Amino acid sequence: MVMRTKPLLWAIALMLSAGIGSALAQQPTPAAPAAVPAAGLPVIVVDVQALLQNSKAAKMVRQQIEAKRADYAKEISHQEETLRQERDALQRQQASLSAEQLNAKGRDFQAKVNELDRDVNAKRQALERSNADALQKIQEVMVKIITDIAKDRKANLVFQRSELVLFDQGFDVTDQVLQKLDEQLPTMTVNFVAPVAANAPEANPAQAQAQPAAKPAKKK
């Protein structure tokens, strides 16, 4: 699963800019480079992908998503088997049906195939949305933890580990973030979105309210 992590880092940068000044801009450039402890630099590094892979909450999300995916796969497999049996029966009936009857049954069968395709797509989209919503909740907690650590270190720059080629490991706070993330979010229950086919009719409450109530019949 590929996550877009740049918006996460932008959110961290915005939160940090409100309370932390640029320490580098306030200091003159030294005549000669000096050895500075990693903790003294306004920089931290976070492996976001590792957090979304190894945190307790993320693991629970994956388990629930895969379990739901397996349930959907069984449902779809059963529907496909039903359609195969119907197709085979239709082929056996070709000799005994008129052209009009055969065309009608063929259109009905194709409609069922199209309905199954829409159902498959709806289930896939529902899973993707459910997974994204759960990971978004994890990221919200992650952002707050990273922001707090950055403030403690007086850092106003946060880099994602995958974007760096070489850096001092003292900048990396991934393990610290992971520990706090597991403490603050030890479990996660996925709120599954119900699959909705693209052509499914949707209720319109406003329209229903706008329609006048039926008048009682007058007594004769």
Protein backbone atom coordinates (compact mmCIF):
# COMPACT_ATOMS: atom_id res chain seq x y z
CA MET A 1 0.00 0.00 0.00
CA VAL A 2 1.44 3.37 -1.00
CA MET A 3 0.71 6.32 1.19
CA ARG A 4 1.11 9.97 0.22
CA THR A 5 3.19 11.31 3.07
CA LYS A 6 4.10 14.81 1.90
CA PRO A 7 0.79 16.32 3.16
CA LEU A 8 1.66 14.80 6.54
CA LEU A 9 5.02 16.58 6.62
CA TRP A 10 3.40 19.85 5.49
CA ALA A 11 0.98 19.58 8.39
CA ILE A 12 3.89 19.13 10.78
CA ALA A 13 5.69 22.12 9.29
CA LEU A 14 2.61 24.32 9.72
CA MET A 15 2.21 23.29 13.35
CA LEU A 16 5.86 23.90 14.09
CA SER A 17 5.99 27.30 12.40
CA ALA A 18 3.44 28.68 14.86
CA GLY A 19 5.59 28.09 17.93
CA ILE A 20 9.22 27.57 16.88
CA GLY A 21 11.46 30.18 15.27
CA SER A 22 14.25 29.50 12.82
CA ALA A 23 17.32 28.93 14.97
CA LEU A 24 19.60 28.81 11.98
CA ALA A 25 18.48 32.20 10.67
CA GLN A 26 19.28 33.84 14.00
CA GLN A 27 22.87 32.58 14.18
CA PRO A 28 25.80 33.89 12.09
CA THR A 29 27.57 31.44 9.83
CA PRO A 30 30.65 30.11 11.69
CA ALA A 31 34.03 30.67 10.13
CA ALA A 32 34.84 26.97 10.37
CA PRO A 33 32.44 24.03 10.74
CA ALA A 34 32.30 22.67 14.26
CA ALA A 35 31.07 19.34 15.51
CA VAL A 36 27.53 19.86 16.81
CA PRO A 37 25.54 17.14 18.58
CA ALA A 38 22.59 15.89 16.54
CA ALA A 39 20.17 16.92 19.26
CA GLY A 40 21.43 20.51 18.95
CA LEU A 41 20.41 20.93 15.32
CA PRO A 42 16.86 22.07 14.41
CA VAL A 43 16.25 18.89 12.41
CA ILE A 44 14.56 15.55 13.05
CA VAL A 45 13.99 12.59 10.73
CA VAL A 46 10.94 10.31 10.77
CA ASP A 47 10.33 7.08 8.86
CA VAL A 48 6.62 7.50 8.23
CA GLN A 49 6.31 4.30 6.22
CA ALA A 50 7.83 2.29 9.06
CA LEU A 51 5.34 3.81 11.50
CA LEU A 52 2.42 2.91 9.21
CA GLN A 53 3.86 -0.59 8.89
CA ASN A 54 4.92 -1.43 12.44
CA SER A 55 2.61 0.44 14.80
CA LYS A 56 0.05 -1.61 16.70
CA ALA A 57 -2.84 0.40 15.30
CA ALA A 58 -1.65 0.03 11.70
CA LYS A 59 -1.24 -3.74 12.10
CA MET A 60 -4.79 -4.01 13.45
CA VAL A 61 -6.09 -2.00 10.51
CA ARG A 62 -4.38 -4.34 8.03
CA GLN A 63 -5.78 -7.41 9.78
CA GLN A 64 -9.33 -6.06 9.69
CA ILE A 65 -9.05 -4.91 6.08
CA GLU A 66 -7.72 -8.29 4.95
CA ALA A 67 -10.46 -10.12 6.85
CA LYS A 68 -13.13 -7.98 5.18
CA ARG A 69 -11.43 -8.46 1.81
CA ALA A 70 -11.60 -12.24 2.29
CA ASP A 71 -15.31 -12.00 3.13
CA TYR A 72 -15.95 -9.98 -0.01
CA ALA A 73 -13.92 -12.46 -2.08
CA LYS A 74 -16.12 -15.33 -0.89
CA GLU A 75 -19.29 -13.40 -1.75
CA ILE A 76 -18.00 -12.53 -5.22
CA SER A 77 -16.83 -16.09 -5.84
CA HIS A 78 -20.29 -17.40 -4.97
CA GLN A 79 -21.93 -14.88 -7.33
CA GLU A 80 -19.54 -15.81 -10.12
CA GLU A 81 -20.29 -19.50 -9.69
CA THR A 82 -24.03 -18.78 -9.85
CA LEU A 83 -23.53 -16.86 -13.10
CA ARG A 84 -21.43 -19.67 -14.59
CA GLN A 85 -24.17 -22.17 -13.85
CA GLU A 86 -26.76 -19.86 -15.39
CA ARG A 87 -24.58 -19.38 -18.48
CA ASP A 88 -24.15 -23.14 -18.91
CA ALA A 89 -27.89 -23.67 -18.55
CA LEU A 90 -28.55 -20.99 -21.13
CA GLN A 91 -26.17 -22.64 -23.59
CA ARG A 92 -27.96 -25.96 -23.18
CA GLN A 93 -31.31 -24.28 -23.89
CA GLN A 94 -30.23 -22.65 -27.14
CA ALA A 95 -31.71 -25.37 -29.34
CA SER A 96 -35.08 -25.29 -27.60
CA LEU A 97 -35.54 -21.49 -27.44
CA SER A 98 -36.71 -19.13 -30.11
CA ALA A 99 -34.44 -16.29 -31.21
CA GLU A 100 -36.56 -13.80 -29.28
CA GLN A 101 -36.48 -15.88 -26.09
CA LEU A 102 -32.74 -16.44 -26.42
CA ASN A 103 -32.09 -12.71 -26.88
CA ALA A 104 -34.22 -11.87 -23.85
CA LYS A 105 -32.42 -14.38 -21.66
CA GLY A 106 -29.09 -13.16 -23.03
CA ARG A 107 -29.90 -9.55 -22.11
CA ASP A 108 -30.98 -10.64 -18.65
CA PHE A 109 -27.76 -12.60 -18.15
CA GLN A 110 -25.60 -9.69 -19.33
CA ALA A 111 -27.42 -7.37 -16.92
CA LYS A 112 -26.49 -9.69 -14.07
CA VAL A 113 -22.86 -9.74 -15.22
CA ASN A 114 -22.81 -5.94 -15.30
CA GLU A 115 -24.37 -5.83 -11.85
CA LEU A 116 -21.65 -8.11 -10.50
CA ASP A 117 -18.96 -5.87 -12.02
CA ARG A 118 -20.49 -2.85 -10.29
CA ASP A 119 -20.67 -4.78 -7.03
CA VAL A 120 -16.98 -5.75 -7.27
CA ASN A 121 -15.97 -2.13 -7.91
CA ALA A 122 -18.16 -0.89 -5.07
CA LYS A 123 -16.58 -3.33 -2.62
CA ARG A 124 -13.08 -2.39 -3.75
CA GLN A 125 -13.78 1.33 -3.37
CA ALA A 126 -15.38 0.77 0.04
CA LEU A 127 -12.30 -1.10 1.25
CA GLU A 128 -9.97 1.62 -0.03
CA ARG A 129 -11.99 4.35 1.66
CA SER A 130 -12.26 2.41 4.93
CA ASN A 131 -8.51 1.82 4.96
CA ALA A 132 -7.75 5.46 4.13
CA ASP A 133 -10.04 6.74 6.88
CA ALA A 134 -8.40 4.48 9.48
CA LEU A 135 -4.88 5.45 8.44
CA GLN A 136 -5.86 9.11 8.51
CA LYS A 137 -6.76 8.75 12.18
CA ILE A 138 -3.38 7.16 12.87
CA GLN A 139 -1.62 9.97 11.01
CA GLU A 140 -3.43 12.61 13.04
CA VAL A 141 -2.06 11.13 16.27
CA MET A 142 1.34 10.70 14.61
CA VAL A 143 1.51 14.37 13.61
CA LYS A 144 0.82 15.50 17.16
CA ILE A 145 3.52 13.20 18.58
CA ILE A 146 6.10 14.34 16.01
CA THR A 147 5.22 17.96 16.69
CA ASP A 148 5.69 17.51 20.44
CA ILE A 149 9.06 15.80 19.91
CA ALA A 150 10.16 18.55 17.54
CA LYS A 151 9.27 21.19 20.13
CA ASP A 152 11.18 19.33 22.83
CA ARG A 153 14.23 19.20 20.56
CA LYS A 154 13.69 22.78 19.44
CA ALA A 155 13.59 21.53 15.86
CA ASN A 156 11.71 23.32 13.13
CA LEU A 157 12.63 20.99 10.26
CA VAL A 158 11.13 17.51 9.86
CA PHE A 159 12.37 15.24 7.09
CA GLN A 160 10.99 11.96 5.91
CA ARG A 161 13.62 9.25 6.00
CA SER A 162 12.88 7.93 2.50
CA GLU A 163 13.77 11.33 1.01
CA LEU A 164 17.27 11.42 2.52
CA VAL A 165 20.35 9.65 1.18
CA LEU A 166 22.63 10.07 4.21
CA PHE A 167 22.12 11.55 7.66
CA ASP A 168 23.25 11.25 11.27
CA GLN A 169 21.18 8.57 12.99
CA GLY A 170 20.91 10.88 15.98
CA PHE A 171 18.33 12.86 14.01
CA ASP A 172 16.05 9.83 13.63
CA VAL A 173 13.18 9.84 16.14
CA THR A 174 11.15 7.06 14.52
CA ASP A 175 11.52 4.64 17.44
CA GLN A 176 10.50 7.34 19.89
CA VAL A 177 7.43 8.20 17.80
CA LEU A 178 6.54 4.51 17.49
CA GLN A 179 6.69 4.00 21.25
CA LYS A 180 4.45 6.97 21.94
CA LEU A 181 2.10 6.04 19.10
CA ASP A 182 1.62 2.54 20.50
CA GLU A 183 0.99 4.01 23.95
CA GLN A 184 -1.57 6.55 22.76
CA LEU A 185 -3.20 4.39 20.09
CA PRO A 186 -2.79 0.73 21.08
CA THR A 187 -5.89 -0.39 19.17
CA MET A 188 -7.84 0.70 16.12
CA THR A 189 -11.26 -0.43 14.95
CA VAL A 190 -11.92 0.15 11.25
CA ASN A 191 -15.22 1.86 10.51
CA PHE A 192 -16.11 0.04 7.32
CA VAL A 193 -17.89 2.00 4.63
CA ALA A 194 -20.82 0.17 3.06
CA PRO A 195 -20.32 -0.63 -0.65
CA VAL A 196 -22.60 1.44 -2.87
CA ALA A 197 -22.99 0.56 -6.55
CA ALA A 198 -22.54 3.43 -9.00
CA ASN A 199 -26.11 3.17 -10.30
CA ALA A 200 -27.77 2.54 -6.93
CA PRO A 201 -30.66 4.96 -6.33
CA GLU A 202 -30.06 7.38 -3.48
CA ALA A 203 -32.79 8.68 -1.23
CA ASN A 204 -33.39 12.41 -1.41
CA PRO A 205 -34.71 13.55 2.00
CA ALA A 206 -35.26 17.12 0.80
CA GLN A 207 -37.40 15.95 -2.07
CA ALA A 208 -39.36 13.64 0.19
CA GLN A 209 -40.07 16.49 2.60
CA ALA A 210 -41.09 18.79 -0.23
CA GLN A 211 -43.78 16.44 -1.43
CA PRO A 212 -47.18 17.28 0.11
CA ALA A 213 -48.81 14.67 2.26
CA ALA A 214 -51.70 12.78 0.71
CA LYS A 215 -55.07 14.31 1.53
CA PRO A 216 -57.59 12.07 3.24
CA ALA A 217 -60.51 11.00 1.07
CA LYS A 218 -63.70 13.00 1.63
CA LYS A 219 -66.57 11.15 3.13
CA LYS A 220 -69.58 10.88 0.89
